Amino acid sequence: MRALLLSTLFIALALPATAQRRGSIYDSARGALRPLANKTAHSVGDLVTVVIQETQDVKNEEKADLSKSSDLNFELLDYDIKPNTFGTPLPSIETGKEDSFTGNAKYEKRGAFSARLTAIVMDTLPNGNLVIQGRRELRIDKEIKVIEFSGIVRRYDITATNTVQSELVADARVTYSGSGPLTNATNRRGLSGWLHDALDWIWPF
């Protein structure tokens, strides 16, 4: 009997500590799934919703004034090496130059972009930060709109509803692109686009 108990104990100790019994709802790698458990993203493969609220307000104004003038007045007063070489009066040079430039430039642009996107945790950094990446594609008739987002987020910036503001994401990259008849109608493309760019580069005025 003692030998049987020892062998059973030996087998139990030899089994992996993380082994999961078939049919069990407990996963040792993720912990117990309790109703009050933390449901925010914290490991690779988890989902987190990014609330994108980006605004752009750029204003730049420059002014340049340049003025330059120069005068040259040269007169030969005495030449006694070979008298009467130049006659009378002796030669003289007088000239002047003026140059001015005035330039004004003003640039102002405002824009806003808002969206919601669910991203996937791709990696966890040693300090606990999460590397997230997400993509959403919308197809309406023949128009395709694609939103892409990536960045690094701190765990404690994620709210209890498992959302994070885009302004709190480090190294954030937001891309919004489209293709289709509506996008083509609002952009120059093909030969017309090349001609417009070429004329804009060549035309001096």
C-alpha atoms as a PDB file:
ATOM      1  CA  MET A   1       0.000   0.000   0.000  1.00  0.00           C
ATOM      2  CA  ARG A   2       2.832   2.354   0.869  1.00  0.00           C
ATOM      3  CA  ALA A   3       4.566   1.612  -2.427  1.00  0.00           C
ATOM      4  CA  LEU A   4       1.339   2.415  -4.309  1.00  0.00           C
ATOM      5  CA  LEU A   5       1.001   5.799  -2.574  1.00  0.00           C
ATOM      6  CA  LEU A   6       4.619   6.669  -3.309  1.00  0.00           C
ATOM      7  CA  SER A   7       4.247   5.812  -6.988  1.00  0.00           C
ATOM      8  CA  THR A   8       1.046   7.868  -7.261  1.00  0.00           C
ATOM      9  CA  LEU A   9       2.771  10.828  -5.619  1.00  0.00           C
ATOM     10  CA  PHE A  10       5.745  10.478  -7.952  1.00  0.00           C
ATOM     11  CA  ILE A  11       3.493  10.507 -11.033  1.00  0.00           C
ATOM     12  CA  ALA A  12       1.618  13.575  -9.769  1.00  0.00           C
ATOM     13  CA  LEU A  13       4.862  15.487  -9.231  1.00  0.00           C
ATOM     14  CA  ALA A  14       6.171  14.453 -12.637  1.00  0.00           C
ATOM     15  CA  LEU A  15       3.172  15.950 -14.480  1.00  0.00           C
ATOM     16  CA  PRO A  16       3.615  19.567 -15.757  1.00  0.00           C
ATOM     17  CA  ALA A  17       2.302  22.166 -13.381  1.00  0.00           C
ATOM     18  CA  THR A  18       0.512  23.959 -16.201  1.00  0.00           C
ATOM     19  CA  ALA A  19      -1.256  20.884 -17.551  1.00  0.00           C
ATOM     20  CA  GLN A  20      -4.928  21.496 -18.170  1.00  0.00           C
ATOM     21  CA  ARG A  21      -7.458  18.747 -17.713  1.00  0.00           C
ATOM     22  CA  ARG A  22      -9.595  18.064 -20.765  1.00  0.00           C
ATOM     23  CA  GLY A  23     -12.974  19.730 -20.445  1.00  0.00           C
ATOM     24  CA  SER A  24     -11.805  22.176 -17.765  1.00  0.00           C
ATOM     25  CA  ILE A  25     -12.844  25.844 -18.124  1.00  0.00           C
ATOM     26  CA  TYR A  26      -9.771  26.996 -16.219  1.00  0.00           C
ATOM     27  CA  ASP A  27      -6.729  28.041 -18.228  1.00  0.00           C
ATOM     28  CA  SER A  28      -3.626  28.460 -16.088  1.00  0.00           C
ATOM     29  CA  ALA A  29      -2.048  30.758 -18.669  1.00  0.00           C
ATOM     30  CA  ARG A  30      -4.908  33.271 -18.452  1.00  0.00           C
ATOM     31  CA  GLY A  31      -6.262  32.662 -14.997  1.00  0.00           C
ATOM     32  CA  ALA A  32      -9.821  32.191 -13.864  1.00  0.00           C
ATOM     33  CA  LEU A  33     -12.603  33.733 -15.929  1.00  0.00           C
ATOM     34  CA  ARG A  34     -14.627  35.472 -13.265  1.00  0.00           C
ATOM     35  CA  PRO A  35     -17.436  37.978 -13.856  1.00  0.00           C
ATOM     36  CA  LEU A  36     -15.457  40.651 -12.009  1.00  0.00           C
ATOM     37  CA  ALA A  37     -12.097  39.832 -13.610  1.00  0.00           C
ATOM     38  CA  ASN A  38     -10.066  42.526 -15.389  1.00  0.00           C
ATOM     39  CA  LYS A  39     -11.239  42.503 -19.008  1.00  0.00           C
ATOM     40  CA  THR A  40      -8.850  45.153 -20.348  1.00  0.00           C
ATOM     41  CA  ALA A  41      -6.138  44.237 -22.826  1.00  0.00           C
ATOM     42  CA  HIS A  42      -2.937  43.066 -21.158  1.00  0.00           C
ATOM     43  CA  SER A  43      -1.401  40.270 -23.237  1.00  0.00           C
ATOM     44  CA  VAL A  44      -0.646  39.339 -26.824  1.00  0.00           C
ATOM     45  CA  GLY A  45      -3.786  38.656 -28.835  1.00  0.00           C
ATOM     46  CA  ASP A  46      -6.098  40.775 -26.689  1.00  0.00           C
ATOM     47  CA  LEU A  47      -8.268  43.456 -28.273  1.00  0.00           C
ATOM     48  CA  VAL A  48      -8.432  47.149 -27.381  1.00  0.00           C
ATOM     49  CA  THR A  49     -10.602  49.873 -28.887  1.00  0.00           C
ATOM     50  CA  VAL A  50      -8.785  53.041 -29.973  1.00  0.00           C
ATOM     51  CA  VAL A  51     -10.796  56.260 -29.988  1.00  0.00           C
ATOM     52  CA  ILE A  52      -9.166  58.384 -32.677  1.00  0.00           C
ATOM     53  CA  GLN A  53      -9.611  62.117 -32.176  1.00  0.00           C
ATOM     54  CA  GLU A  54      -6.980  63.987 -34.155  1.00  0.00           C
ATOM     55  CA  THR A  55      -7.051  67.712 -34.917  1.00  0.00           C
ATOM     56  CA  GLN A  56      -4.708  69.737 -37.086  1.00  0.00           C
ATOM     57  CA  ASP A  57      -4.238  73.470 -36.664  1.00  0.00           C
ATOM     58  CA  VAL A  58      -1.153  74.790 -38.429  1.00  0.00           C
ATOM     59  CA  LYS A  59      -0.395  78.449 -39.055  1.00  0.00           C
ATOM     60  CA  ASN A  60       2.817  79.891 -40.410  1.00  0.00           C
ATOM     61  CA  GLU A  61       3.558  83.385 -41.679  1.00  0.00           C
ATOM     62  CA  GLU A  62       6.855  84.664 -43.046  1.00  0.00           C
ATOM     63  CA  LYS A  63       8.036  87.971 -44.465  1.00  0.00           C
ATOM     64  CA  ALA A  64      11.370  88.864 -46.012  1.00  0.00           C
ATOM     65  CA  ASP A  65      12.776  92.252 -47.110  1.00  0.00           C
ATOM     66  CA  LEU A  66      16.157  92.518 -48.776  1.00  0.00           C
ATOM     67  CA  SER A  67      17.775  95.713 -50.018  1.00  0.00           C
ATOM     68  CA  LYS A  68      21.303  96.116 -51.303  1.00  0.00           C
ATOM     69  CA  SER A  69      23.094  99.004 -53.006  1.00  0.00           C
ATOM     70  CA  SER A  70      26.675  99.675 -54.086  1.00  0.00           C
ATOM     71  CA  ASP A  71      28.513 102.643 -55.673  1.00  0.00           C
ATOM     72  CA  LEU A  72      31.823 102.832 -57.522  1.00  0.00           C
ATOM     73  CA  ASN A  73      33.584 106.114 -58.305  1.00  0.00           C
ATOM     74  CA  PHE A  74      37.081 105.914 -59.813  1.00  0.00           C
ATOM     75  CA  GLU A  75      39.022 108.846 -61.270  1.00  0.00           C
ATOM     76  CA  LEU A  76      42.621 109.025 -62.539  1.00  0.00           C
ATOM     77  CA  LEU A  77      44.036 112.290 -61.167  1.00  0.00           C
ATOM     78  CA  ASP A  78      47.618 112.184 -62.380  1.00  0.00           C
ATOM     79  CA  TYR A  79      49.447 110.089 -64.996  1.00  0.00           C
ATOM     80  CA  ASP A  80      53.080 111.176 -65.522  1.00  0.00           C
ATOM     81  CA  ILE A  81      54.566 107.983 -66.943  1.00  0.00           C
ATOM     82  CA  LYS A  82      53.777 109.041 -70.491  1.00  0.00           C
ATOM     83  CA  PRO A  83      52.144 112.432 -70.597  1.00  0.00           C
ATOM     84  CA  ASN A  84      49.278 113.162 -72.974  1.00  0.00           C
ATOM     85  CA  THR A  85      48.494 109.464 -73.303  1.00  0.00           C
ATOM     86  CA  PHE A  86      44.849 109.865 -72.323  1.00  0.00           C
ATOM     87  CA  GLY A  87      44.479 113.501 -73.230  1.00  0.00           C
ATOM     88  CA  THR A  88      42.456 115.885 -71.110  1.00  0.00           C
ATOM     89  CA  PRO A  89      40.599 115.244 -68.907  1.00  0.00           C
ATOM     90  CA  LEU A  90      41.971 111.989 -67.470  1.00  0.00           C
ATOM     91  CA  PRO A  91      39.640 108.951 -67.591  1.00  0.00           C
ATOM     92  CA  SER A  92      37.199 108.248 -64.763  1.00  0.00           C
ATOM     93  CA  ILE A  93      34.617 105.543 -63.927  1.00  0.00           C
ATOM     94  CA  GLU A  94      31.404 106.048 -61.983  1.00  0.00           C
ATOM     95  CA  THR A  95      28.725 103.347 -61.544  1.00  0.00           C
ATOM     96  CA  GLY A  96      26.088 102.230 -59.099  1.00  0.00           C
ATOM     97  CA  LYS A  97      23.900  99.194 -58.424  1.00  0.00           C
ATOM     98  CA  GLU A  98      20.731  98.645 -56.436  1.00  0.00           C
ATOM     99  CA  ASP A  99      18.944  95.397 -55.692  1.00  0.00           C
ATOM    100  CA  SER A 100      15.810  94.776 -53.642  1.00  0.00           C
ATOM    101  CA  PHE A 101      13.617  91.785 -52.874  1.00  0.00           C
ATOM    102  CA  THR A 102      10.345  91.510 -50.970  1.00  0.00           C
ATOM    103  CA  GLY A 103       8.565  88.248 -50.223  1.00  0.00           C
ATOM    104  CA  ASN A 104       5.502  87.269 -48.197  1.00  0.00           C
ATOM    105  CA  ALA A 105       4.249  83.783 -47.384  1.00  0.00           C
ATOM    106  CA  LYS A 106       1.264  82.674 -45.327  1.00  0.00           C
ATOM    107  CA  TYR A 107       0.134  79.115 -44.673  1.00  0.00           C
ATOM    108  CA  GLU A 108      -2.867  78.081 -42.626  1.00  0.00           C
ATOM    109  CA  LYS A 109      -4.558  74.690 -42.443  1.00  0.00           C
ATOM    110  CA  ARG A 110      -7.149  73.182 -40.147  1.00  0.00           C
ATOM    111  CA  GLY A 111      -8.561  69.686 -40.072  1.00  0.00           C
ATOM    112  CA  ALA A 112     -10.165  67.079 -37.836  1.00  0.00           C
ATOM    113  CA  PHE A 113     -10.427  63.316 -38.007  1.00  0.00           C
ATOM    114  CA  SER A 114     -12.390  61.043 -35.696  1.00  0.00           C
ATOM    115  CA  ALA A 115     -12.991  57.297 -35.759  1.00  0.00           C
ATOM    116  CA  ARG A 116     -13.107  54.179 -33.599  1.00  0.00           C
ATOM    117  CA  LEU A 117     -10.939  51.189 -34.355  1.00  0.00           C
ATOM    118  CA  THR A 118     -10.371  47.903 -32.543  1.00  0.00           C
ATOM    119  CA  ALA A 119      -6.693  46.949 -32.507  1.00  0.00           C
ATOM    120  CA  ILE A 120      -4.864  43.757 -31.575  1.00  0.00           C
ATOM    121  CA  VAL A 121      -2.022  43.573 -29.049  1.00  0.00           C
ATOM    122  CA  MET A 122       0.898  42.381 -31.160  1.00  0.00           C
ATOM    123  CA  ASP A 123       3.603  42.383 -28.477  1.00  0.00           C
ATOM    124  CA  THR A 124       4.305  43.287 -24.857  1.00  0.00           C
ATOM    125  CA  LEU A 125       7.441  45.236 -23.969  1.00  0.00           C
ATOM    126  CA  PRO A 126       9.566  44.448 -20.896  1.00  0.00           C
ATOM    127  CA  ASN A 127       8.181  47.485 -19.071  1.00  0.00           C
ATOM    128  CA  GLY A 128       4.594  46.337 -19.627  1.00  0.00           C
ATOM    129  CA  ASN A 129       3.684  48.617 -22.518  1.00  0.00           C
ATOM    130  CA  LEU A 130       1.608  47.118 -25.311  1.00  0.00           C
ATOM    131  CA  VAL A 131       2.349  47.284 -29.030  1.00  0.00           C
ATOM    132  CA  ILE A 132      -0.998  47.499 -30.842  1.00  0.00           C
ATOM    133  CA  GLN A 133      -1.978  47.417 -34.475  1.00  0.00           C
ATOM    134  CA  GLY A 134      -5.375  47.593 -36.161  1.00  0.00           C
ATOM    135  CA  ARG A 135      -6.961  47.912 -39.571  1.00  0.00           C
ATOM    136  CA  ARG A 136     -10.513  48.537 -40.740  1.00  0.00           C
ATOM    137  CA  GLU A 137     -11.724  48.389 -44.327  1.00  0.00           C
ATOM    138  CA  LEU A 138     -15.060  49.803 -45.468  1.00  0.00           C
ATOM    139  CA  ARG A 139     -16.559  48.919 -48.838  1.00  0.00           C
ATOM    140  CA  ILE A 140     -19.548  50.925 -50.065  1.00  0.00           C
ATOM    141  CA  ASP A 141     -20.502  50.093 -53.635  1.00  0.00           C
ATOM    142  CA  LYS A 142     -17.202  50.544 -55.499  1.00  0.00           C
ATOM    143  CA  GLU A 143     -15.651  52.879 -52.938  1.00  0.00           C
ATOM    144  CA  ILE A 144     -13.075  51.462 -50.508  1.00  0.00           C
ATOM    145  CA  LYS A 145     -11.915  53.288 -47.379  1.00  0.00           C
ATOM    146  CA  VAL A 146      -9.112  51.892 -45.216  1.00  0.00           C
ATOM    147  CA  ILE A 147      -8.149  53.041 -41.704  1.00  0.00           C
ATOM    148  CA  GLU A 148      -4.884  51.770 -40.222  1.00  0.00           C
ATOM    149  CA  PHE A 149      -3.543  52.458 -36.737  1.00  0.00           C
ATOM    150  CA  SER A 150      -0.444  51.377 -34.837  1.00  0.00           C
ATOM    151  CA  GLY A 151       1.465  52.517 -31.760  1.00  0.00           C
ATOM    152  CA  ILE A 152       2.528  51.794 -28.197  1.00  0.00           C
ATOM    153  CA  VAL A 153       0.135  52.201 -25.271  1.00  0.00           C
ATOM    154  CA  ARG A 154       0.585  52.023 -21.515  1.00  0.00           C
ATOM    155  CA  ARG A 155      -1.651  49.601 -19.669  1.00  0.00           C
ATOM    156  CA  TYR A 156      -2.902  52.150 -17.163  1.00  0.00           C
ATOM    157  CA  ASP A 157      -4.007  54.463 -20.010  1.00  0.00           C
ATOM    158  CA  ILE A 158      -6.589  51.855 -21.005  1.00  0.00           C
ATOM    159  CA  THR A 159      -9.928  52.625 -19.368  1.00  0.00           C
ATOM    160  CA  ALA A 160     -12.210  50.153 -17.634  1.00  0.00           C
ATOM    161  CA  THR A 161     -14.264  49.932 -20.847  1.00  0.00           C
ATOM    162  CA  ASN A 162     -11.138  48.730 -22.680  1.00  0.00           C
ATOM    163  CA  THR A 163     -10.711  51.911 -24.714  1.00  0.00           C
ATOM    164  CA  VAL A 164      -7.780  54.285 -25.111  1.00  0.00           C
ATOM    165  CA  GLN A 165      -7.563  57.776 -26.591  1.00  0.00           C
ATOM    166  CA  SER A 166      -5.300  58.130 -29.612  1.00  0.00           C
ATOM    167  CA  GLU A 167      -3.508  61.113 -28.050  1.00  0.00           C
ATOM    168  CA  LEU A 168      -2.211  58.794 -25.302  1.00  0.00           C
ATOM    169  CA  VAL A 169      -0.636  56.374 -27.781  1.00  0.00           C
ATOM    170  CA  ALA A 170       3.102  56.786 -28.332  1.00  0.00           C
ATOM    171  CA  ASP A 171       4.599  56.539 -31.818  1.00  0.00           C
ATOM    172  CA  ALA A 172       1.049  56.596 -33.166  1.00  0.00           C
ATOM    173  CA  ARG A 173       0.574  56.221 -36.898  1.00  0.00           C
ATOM    174  CA  VAL A 174      -2.836  56.887 -38.393  1.00  0.00           C
ATOM    175  CA  THR A 175      -3.445  56.238 -42.081  1.00  0.00           C
ATOM    176  CA  TYR A 176      -6.692  56.952 -43.909  1.00  0.00           C
ATOM    177  CA  SER A 177      -6.736  56.092 -47.587  1.00  0.00           C
ATOM    178  CA  GLY A 178      -9.361  55.462 -50.201  1.00  0.00           C
ATOM    179  CA  SER A 179      -9.882  54.263 -53.727  1.00  0.00           C
ATOM    180  CA  GLY A 180     -12.839  54.241 -56.060  1.00  0.00           C
ATOM    181  CA  PRO A 181     -14.834  56.570 -58.289  1.00  0.00           C
ATOM    182  CA  LEU A 182     -15.421  59.227 -55.605  1.00  0.00           C
ATOM    183  CA  THR A 183     -11.723  59.370 -54.689  1.00  0.00           C
ATOM    184  CA  ASN A 184     -10.722  59.535 -58.344  1.00  0.00           C
ATOM    185  CA  ALA A 185     -13.158  62.381 -58.976  1.00  0.00           C
ATOM    186  CA  THR A 186     -11.490  64.564 -56.330  1.00  0.00           C
ATOM    187  CA  ASN A 187      -7.877  63.893 -57.368  1.00  0.00           C
ATOM    188  CA  ARG A 188      -5.859  64.490 -60.504  1.00  0.00           C
ATOM    189  CA  ARG A 189      -4.509  61.257 -61.862  1.00  0.00           C
ATOM    190  CA  GLY A 190      -2.985  59.831 -65.006  1.00  0.00           C
ATOM    191  CA  LEU A 191      -1.799  62.194 -67.741  1.00  0.00           C
ATOM    192  CA  SER A 192      -3.731  65.171 -66.352  1.00  0.00           C
ATOM    193  CA  GLY A 193      -1.950  64.852 -63.020  1.00  0.00           C
ATOM    194  CA  TRP A 194       1.473  64.612 -64.636  1.00  0.00           C
ATOM    195  CA  LEU A 195       0.824  67.622 -66.890  1.00  0.00           C
ATOM    196  CA  HIS A 196      -0.415  69.703 -63.957  1.00  0.00           C
ATOM    197  CA  ASP A 197       2.674  68.894 -61.867  1.00  0.00           C
ATOM    198  CA  ALA A 198       4.995  69.551 -64.819  1.00  0.00           C
ATOM    199  CA  LEU A 199       3.421  72.922 -65.624  1.00  0.00           C
ATOM    200  CA  ASP A 200       3.439  73.912 -61.959  1.00  0.00           C
ATOM    201  CA  TRP A 201       7.171  73.116 -61.790  1.00  0.00           C
ATOM    202  CA  ILE A 202       8.083  74.871 -65.064  1.00  0.00           C
ATOM    203  CA  TRP A 203       5.846  77.935 -64.891  1.00  0.00           C
ATOM    204  CA  PRO A 204       7.899  80.794 -63.338  1.00  0.00           C
ATOM    205  CA  PHE A 205       4.972  82.953 -62.195  1.00  0.00           C
END
